[in-house]
N, C-alpha and C. Protein backbone atom coordinates (compact mmCIF):
# COMPACT_ATOMS: atom_id res chain seq x y z
N MET A 1 0.85 -1.19 0.01
CA MET A 1 0.00 0.00 0.00
C MET A 1 0.88 1.24 0.00
N SER A 2 0.49 2.23 -0.73
CA SER A 2 1.31 3.42 -0.88
C SER A 2 1.30 4.32 0.36
N ASN A 3 0.32 4.18 1.23
CA ASN A 3 0.24 5.08 2.38
C ASN A 3 0.92 4.52 3.62
N LEU A 4 1.67 3.43 3.52
CA LEU A 4 2.41 2.92 4.66
C LEU A 4 3.58 3.85 4.97
N THR A 5 3.79 4.10 6.23
CA THR A 5 4.94 4.91 6.64
C THR A 5 6.01 3.98 7.19
N ALA A 6 7.15 4.55 7.54
CA ALA A 6 8.22 3.75 8.13
C ALA A 6 7.77 3.08 9.42
N HIS A 7 6.83 3.70 10.12
CA HIS A 7 6.36 3.14 11.39
C HIS A 7 5.35 2.02 11.20
N THR A 8 4.63 1.99 10.10
CA THR A 8 3.62 0.96 9.93
C THR A 8 4.08 -0.19 9.03
N HIS A 9 5.21 -0.07 8.40
CA HIS A 9 5.69 -1.14 7.54
C HIS A 9 6.37 -2.21 8.38
N ALA A 10 5.89 -3.44 8.30
CA ALA A 10 6.37 -4.52 9.15
C ALA A 10 7.87 -4.78 9.01
N GLY A 11 8.42 -4.55 7.85
CA GLY A 11 9.84 -4.79 7.62
C GLY A 11 10.75 -3.93 8.46
N ASN A 12 10.26 -2.82 8.97
CA ASN A 12 11.08 -1.92 9.78
C ASN A 12 11.04 -2.24 11.26
N HIS A 13 10.30 -3.24 11.67
CA HIS A 13 10.11 -3.47 13.10
C HIS A 13 11.11 -4.41 13.73
N SER A 14 11.90 -5.12 12.95
CA SER A 14 12.85 -6.04 13.54
C SER A 14 13.97 -5.32 14.28
N ALA A 15 14.21 -4.08 13.98
CA ALA A 15 15.29 -3.32 14.62
C ALA A 15 14.83 -2.61 15.89
N LEU A 16 13.58 -2.66 16.24
CA LEU A 16 13.10 -1.96 17.43
C LEU A 16 13.73 -2.54 18.69
N SER A 17 14.12 -1.67 19.62
CA SER A 17 14.72 -2.14 20.87
C SER A 17 13.72 -2.96 21.68
N LEU A 18 12.44 -2.74 21.45
CA LEU A 18 11.41 -3.50 22.16
C LEU A 18 11.60 -5.00 21.97
N SER A 19 12.04 -5.41 20.80
CA SER A 19 12.20 -6.83 20.52
C SER A 19 13.37 -7.44 21.28
N ASP A 20 14.27 -6.63 21.82
CA ASP A 20 15.42 -7.13 22.55
C ASP A 20 15.21 -7.16 24.05
N ALA A 21 14.07 -6.73 24.55
CA ALA A 21 13.82 -6.66 25.99
C ALA A 21 13.07 -7.92 26.44
N PRO A 22 13.73 -8.84 27.15
CA PRO A 22 13.08 -10.10 27.52
C PRO A 22 11.95 -9.94 28.53
N TYR A 23 11.91 -8.83 29.23
CA TYR A 23 10.87 -8.62 30.24
C TYR A 23 9.63 -7.98 29.67
N ARG A 24 9.63 -7.64 28.44
CA ARG A 24 8.48 -6.99 27.81
C ARG A 24 7.36 -8.00 27.55
N ALA A 25 6.16 -7.50 27.62
CA ALA A 25 5.00 -8.35 27.29
C ALA A 25 4.95 -8.58 25.79
N TRP A 26 4.20 -9.56 25.41
CA TRP A 26 4.00 -9.81 23.98
C TRP A 26 3.25 -8.67 23.35
N LEU A 27 3.43 -8.54 22.08
CA LEU A 27 2.73 -7.50 21.34
C LEU A 27 2.44 -8.02 19.94
N VAL A 28 1.23 -7.83 19.51
CA VAL A 28 0.86 -8.12 18.13
C VAL A 28 0.11 -6.89 17.64
N ALA A 29 0.48 -6.40 16.48
CA ALA A 29 -0.20 -5.24 15.92
C ALA A 29 -0.60 -5.54 14.48
N ILE A 30 -1.77 -5.10 14.15
CA ILE A 30 -2.27 -5.22 12.78
C ILE A 30 -2.76 -3.84 12.36
N VAL A 31 -2.26 -3.36 11.25
CA VAL A 31 -2.67 -2.07 10.71
C VAL A 31 -3.57 -2.35 9.52
N GLY A 32 -4.79 -1.88 9.60
CA GLY A 32 -5.74 -2.12 8.51
C GLY A 32 -6.21 -0.85 7.87
N HIS A 33 -6.62 -0.96 6.64
CA HIS A 33 -7.21 0.16 5.92
C HIS A 33 -8.28 -0.40 4.99
N ALA A 34 -9.47 0.16 5.10
CA ALA A 34 -10.61 -0.31 4.32
C ALA A 34 -10.82 -1.79 4.61
N ASP A 35 -10.76 -2.63 3.61
CA ASP A 35 -10.97 -4.07 3.81
C ASP A 35 -9.68 -4.88 3.76
N ALA A 36 -8.54 -4.21 3.87
CA ALA A 36 -7.27 -4.92 3.72
C ALA A 36 -6.37 -4.74 4.94
N ILE A 37 -5.55 -5.74 5.20
CA ILE A 37 -4.52 -5.62 6.22
C ILE A 37 -3.30 -5.03 5.54
N ALA A 38 -2.87 -3.86 6.02
CA ALA A 38 -1.73 -3.17 5.41
C ALA A 38 -0.42 -3.69 5.96
N SER A 39 -0.40 -4.06 7.23
CA SER A 39 0.82 -4.51 7.87
C SER A 39 0.46 -5.31 9.11
N GLU A 40 1.27 -6.29 9.45
CA GLU A 40 1.06 -7.03 10.69
C GLU A 40 2.42 -7.47 11.20
N PHE A 41 2.60 -7.45 12.52
CA PHE A 41 3.87 -7.85 13.12
C PHE A 41 3.65 -8.28 14.55
N ALA A 42 4.62 -9.02 15.08
CA ALA A 42 4.49 -9.55 16.44
C ALA A 42 5.85 -9.54 17.13
N TYR A 43 5.84 -9.36 18.46
CA TYR A 43 7.04 -9.41 19.28
C TYR A 43 6.75 -10.24 20.52
N GLY A 44 7.76 -10.82 21.07
CA GLY A 44 7.63 -11.53 22.33
C GLY A 44 8.86 -12.38 22.58
N LYS A 45 9.37 -12.34 23.79
CA LYS A 45 10.59 -13.08 24.11
C LYS A 45 10.34 -14.34 24.94
N ARG A 46 9.41 -14.25 25.89
CA ARG A 46 9.21 -15.40 26.76
C ARG A 46 8.73 -16.60 25.94
N LYS A 47 7.75 -16.36 25.13
CA LYS A 47 7.28 -17.33 24.14
C LYS A 47 7.22 -16.56 22.83
N ASP A 48 7.49 -17.23 21.76
CA ASP A 48 7.39 -16.55 20.47
C ASP A 48 5.95 -16.11 20.24
N ALA A 49 5.78 -14.86 19.86
CA ALA A 49 4.47 -14.33 19.51
C ALA A 49 4.34 -14.35 17.99
N THR A 50 3.17 -14.68 17.53
CA THR A 50 2.88 -14.63 16.09
C THR A 50 1.62 -13.81 15.91
N VAL A 51 1.27 -13.53 14.68
CA VAL A 51 0.04 -12.77 14.43
C VAL A 51 -1.19 -13.60 14.75
N ASP A 52 -1.04 -14.88 15.03
CA ASP A 52 -2.15 -15.75 15.42
C ASP A 52 -2.22 -16.01 16.92
N THR A 53 -1.30 -15.42 17.70
CA THR A 53 -1.29 -15.63 19.15
C THR A 53 -2.57 -15.05 19.76
N ILE A 54 -3.18 -15.83 20.66
CA ILE A 54 -4.40 -15.41 21.34
C ILE A 54 -4.04 -14.86 22.70
N TYR A 55 -4.59 -13.70 23.06
CA TYR A 55 -4.32 -13.05 24.33
C TYR A 55 -5.61 -12.90 25.13
N ASP A 56 -5.48 -12.97 26.45
CA ASP A 56 -6.59 -12.67 27.34
C ASP A 56 -6.53 -11.18 27.62
N ILE A 57 -7.38 -10.41 26.96
CA ILE A 57 -7.31 -8.95 27.11
C ILE A 57 -8.21 -8.43 28.21
N ALA A 58 -9.03 -9.29 28.78
CA ALA A 58 -9.84 -8.98 29.98
C ALA A 58 -10.42 -7.57 29.96
N SER A 59 -10.01 -6.74 30.90
CA SER A 59 -10.61 -5.42 31.09
C SER A 59 -10.36 -4.46 29.93
N LEU A 60 -9.47 -4.81 29.04
CA LEU A 60 -9.23 -3.94 27.89
C LEU A 60 -10.47 -3.81 27.01
N THR A 61 -11.38 -4.78 27.11
CA THR A 61 -12.60 -4.71 26.32
C THR A 61 -13.45 -3.50 26.73
N LYS A 62 -13.28 -3.03 27.96
CA LYS A 62 -14.03 -1.85 28.42
C LYS A 62 -13.70 -0.64 27.57
N LEU A 63 -12.44 -0.51 27.20
CA LEU A 63 -12.02 0.61 26.35
C LEU A 63 -12.72 0.56 25.00
N PHE A 64 -12.75 -0.61 24.38
CA PHE A 64 -13.38 -0.73 23.07
C PHE A 64 -14.88 -0.52 23.16
N THR A 65 -15.50 -1.01 24.23
CA THR A 65 -16.93 -0.79 24.43
C THR A 65 -17.23 0.69 24.56
N THR A 66 -16.43 1.39 25.37
CA THR A 66 -16.62 2.82 25.57
C THR A 66 -16.48 3.57 24.26
N VAL A 67 -15.48 3.26 23.47
CA VAL A 67 -15.29 3.93 22.18
C VAL A 67 -16.50 3.68 21.28
N GLY A 68 -16.98 2.46 21.23
CA GLY A 68 -18.16 2.14 20.41
C GLY A 68 -19.39 2.91 20.85
N VAL A 69 -19.62 2.98 22.16
CA VAL A 69 -20.78 3.71 22.69
C VAL A 69 -20.64 5.19 22.39
N LEU A 70 -19.45 5.75 22.59
CA LEU A 70 -19.25 7.18 22.32
C LEU A 70 -19.44 7.51 20.85
N LYS A 71 -19.11 6.59 19.97
CA LYS A 71 -19.38 6.81 18.54
C LYS A 71 -20.89 6.86 18.29
N GLN A 72 -21.65 6.01 18.98
CA GLN A 72 -23.11 6.03 18.85
C GLN A 72 -23.68 7.34 19.37
N ILE A 73 -23.11 7.85 20.44
CA ILE A 73 -23.55 9.14 20.99
C ILE A 73 -23.22 10.25 20.01
N ASP A 74 -22.02 10.20 19.44
CA ASP A 74 -21.59 11.24 18.50
C ASP A 74 -22.49 11.30 17.27
N THR A 75 -23.03 10.17 16.86
CA THR A 75 -23.93 10.15 15.69
C THR A 75 -25.38 10.39 16.08
N GLY A 76 -25.63 10.61 17.36
CA GLY A 76 -26.99 10.91 17.82
C GLY A 76 -27.88 9.70 18.01
N LYS A 77 -27.31 8.50 18.00
CA LYS A 77 -28.13 7.29 18.12
C LYS A 77 -28.47 6.95 19.56
N THR A 78 -27.75 7.50 20.53
CA THR A 78 -28.05 7.28 21.93
C THR A 78 -27.47 8.42 22.75
N GLN A 79 -27.73 8.41 24.05
CA GLN A 79 -27.20 9.41 24.98
C GLN A 79 -26.75 8.70 26.24
N LEU A 80 -25.78 9.29 26.94
CA LEU A 80 -25.26 8.67 28.15
C LEU A 80 -26.33 8.45 29.20
N GLN A 81 -27.33 9.32 29.26
CA GLN A 81 -28.36 9.22 30.29
C GLN A 81 -29.50 8.26 29.93
N GLU A 82 -29.44 7.66 28.76
CA GLU A 82 -30.48 6.69 28.36
C GLU A 82 -30.39 5.45 29.23
N ARG A 83 -31.53 4.88 29.54
CA ARG A 83 -31.56 3.61 30.27
C ARG A 83 -31.15 2.48 29.34
N VAL A 84 -30.36 1.57 29.87
CA VAL A 84 -29.94 0.41 29.09
C VAL A 84 -31.15 -0.41 28.66
N SER A 85 -32.17 -0.46 29.52
CA SER A 85 -33.37 -1.25 29.21
C SER A 85 -34.13 -0.73 28.00
N LYS A 86 -33.86 0.50 27.59
CA LYS A 86 -34.49 1.02 26.36
C LYS A 86 -34.01 0.20 25.15
N TYR A 87 -32.77 -0.22 25.17
CA TYR A 87 -32.17 -0.95 24.06
C TYR A 87 -32.18 -2.46 24.27
N VAL A 88 -32.12 -2.88 25.54
CA VAL A 88 -32.15 -4.30 25.88
C VAL A 88 -33.21 -4.48 26.96
N PRO A 89 -34.48 -4.62 26.56
CA PRO A 89 -35.57 -4.67 27.54
C PRO A 89 -35.38 -5.72 28.63
N SER A 90 -34.83 -6.86 28.30
CA SER A 90 -34.65 -7.91 29.30
C SER A 90 -33.63 -7.52 30.38
N PHE A 91 -32.82 -6.51 30.11
CA PHE A 91 -31.85 -6.04 31.09
C PHE A 91 -32.54 -5.37 32.28
N GLY A 92 -33.71 -4.81 32.06
CA GLY A 92 -34.41 -4.03 33.07
C GLY A 92 -35.08 -4.81 34.18
N VAL A 93 -34.95 -6.12 34.22
CA VAL A 93 -35.59 -6.91 35.28
C VAL A 93 -34.72 -6.92 36.54
N ASN A 94 -35.32 -7.36 37.63
CA ASN A 94 -34.60 -7.51 38.91
C ASN A 94 -33.96 -6.22 39.40
N GLY A 95 -34.70 -5.12 39.29
CA GLY A 95 -34.24 -3.85 39.84
C GLY A 95 -33.22 -3.10 39.03
N LYS A 96 -33.04 -3.47 37.77
CA LYS A 96 -32.02 -2.81 36.93
C LYS A 96 -32.62 -1.83 35.92
N LYS A 97 -33.89 -1.55 36.03
CA LYS A 97 -34.57 -0.72 35.03
C LYS A 97 -33.99 0.69 34.93
N GLU A 98 -33.51 1.25 36.02
CA GLU A 98 -33.03 2.64 36.03
C GLU A 98 -31.55 2.78 35.66
N ILE A 99 -30.86 1.70 35.42
CA ILE A 99 -29.43 1.79 35.12
C ILE A 99 -29.22 2.39 33.73
N THR A 100 -28.34 3.40 33.69
CA THR A 100 -28.08 4.12 32.43
C THR A 100 -26.78 3.64 31.79
N ILE A 101 -26.61 4.04 30.55
CA ILE A 101 -25.37 3.75 29.83
C ILE A 101 -24.18 4.35 30.58
N LEU A 102 -24.33 5.58 31.05
CA LEU A 102 -23.25 6.23 31.80
C LEU A 102 -22.87 5.41 33.04
N MET A 103 -23.86 4.90 33.74
CA MET A 103 -23.58 4.10 34.93
C MET A 103 -22.74 2.87 34.60
N LEU A 104 -23.06 2.22 33.49
CA LEU A 104 -22.28 1.04 33.11
C LEU A 104 -20.87 1.42 32.72
N LEU A 105 -20.72 2.49 31.95
CA LEU A 105 -19.39 2.88 31.48
C LEU A 105 -18.50 3.40 32.60
N THR A 106 -19.09 3.95 33.66
CA THR A 106 -18.30 4.50 34.76
C THR A 106 -18.32 3.60 36.00
N HIS A 107 -18.86 2.42 35.86
CA HIS A 107 -18.88 1.44 36.96
C HIS A 107 -19.61 1.97 38.19
N THR A 108 -20.71 2.67 37.96
CA THR A 108 -21.50 3.21 39.06
C THR A 108 -22.92 2.67 39.07
N SER A 109 -23.12 1.51 38.46
CA SER A 109 -24.46 0.92 38.36
C SER A 109 -24.89 0.22 39.63
N GLY A 110 -23.95 -0.07 40.52
CA GLY A 110 -24.28 -0.79 41.74
C GLY A 110 -24.08 -2.27 41.64
N PHE A 111 -23.62 -2.77 40.50
CA PHE A 111 -23.34 -4.20 40.37
C PHE A 111 -22.19 -4.58 41.30
N ASP A 112 -22.25 -5.80 41.85
CA ASP A 112 -21.12 -6.31 42.63
C ASP A 112 -19.91 -6.45 41.73
N ALA A 113 -18.73 -6.23 42.29
CA ALA A 113 -17.50 -6.34 41.51
C ALA A 113 -17.28 -7.76 41.01
N ASP A 114 -17.64 -8.74 41.81
CA ASP A 114 -17.44 -10.14 41.44
C ASP A 114 -18.66 -10.94 41.88
N PRO A 115 -19.74 -10.85 41.13
CA PRO A 115 -20.97 -11.52 41.55
C PRO A 115 -20.81 -13.03 41.60
N ALA A 116 -21.51 -13.63 42.51
CA ALA A 116 -21.49 -15.10 42.61
C ALA A 116 -22.16 -15.71 41.38
N PRO A 117 -21.66 -16.85 40.93
CA PRO A 117 -22.27 -17.48 39.74
C PRO A 117 -23.67 -17.95 39.99
């Protein structure tokens, strides 16, 4: 692709000092544009990382969820003060009817941190 820069071209990443640090966490990056993968690369010393390595990203999903919700707000499709039950009616049972999108995103909904199964 013509719009790749020195930073996004995978061939330039073997010289990064990051790849020489054995205490660093694994890293896999994929740069995409439209419907194509422009570049992909992986680092990791403890175990070899590949572009197919699966990671447990746990709480990092909160960041992606927040970005997705904020995009919906930016386009006018929802608001932070909207009740979640407006979009997912079954969510509103058992005393959760008043919980808003903002409450979920800011962890102020009153849910237990680690509810029992």
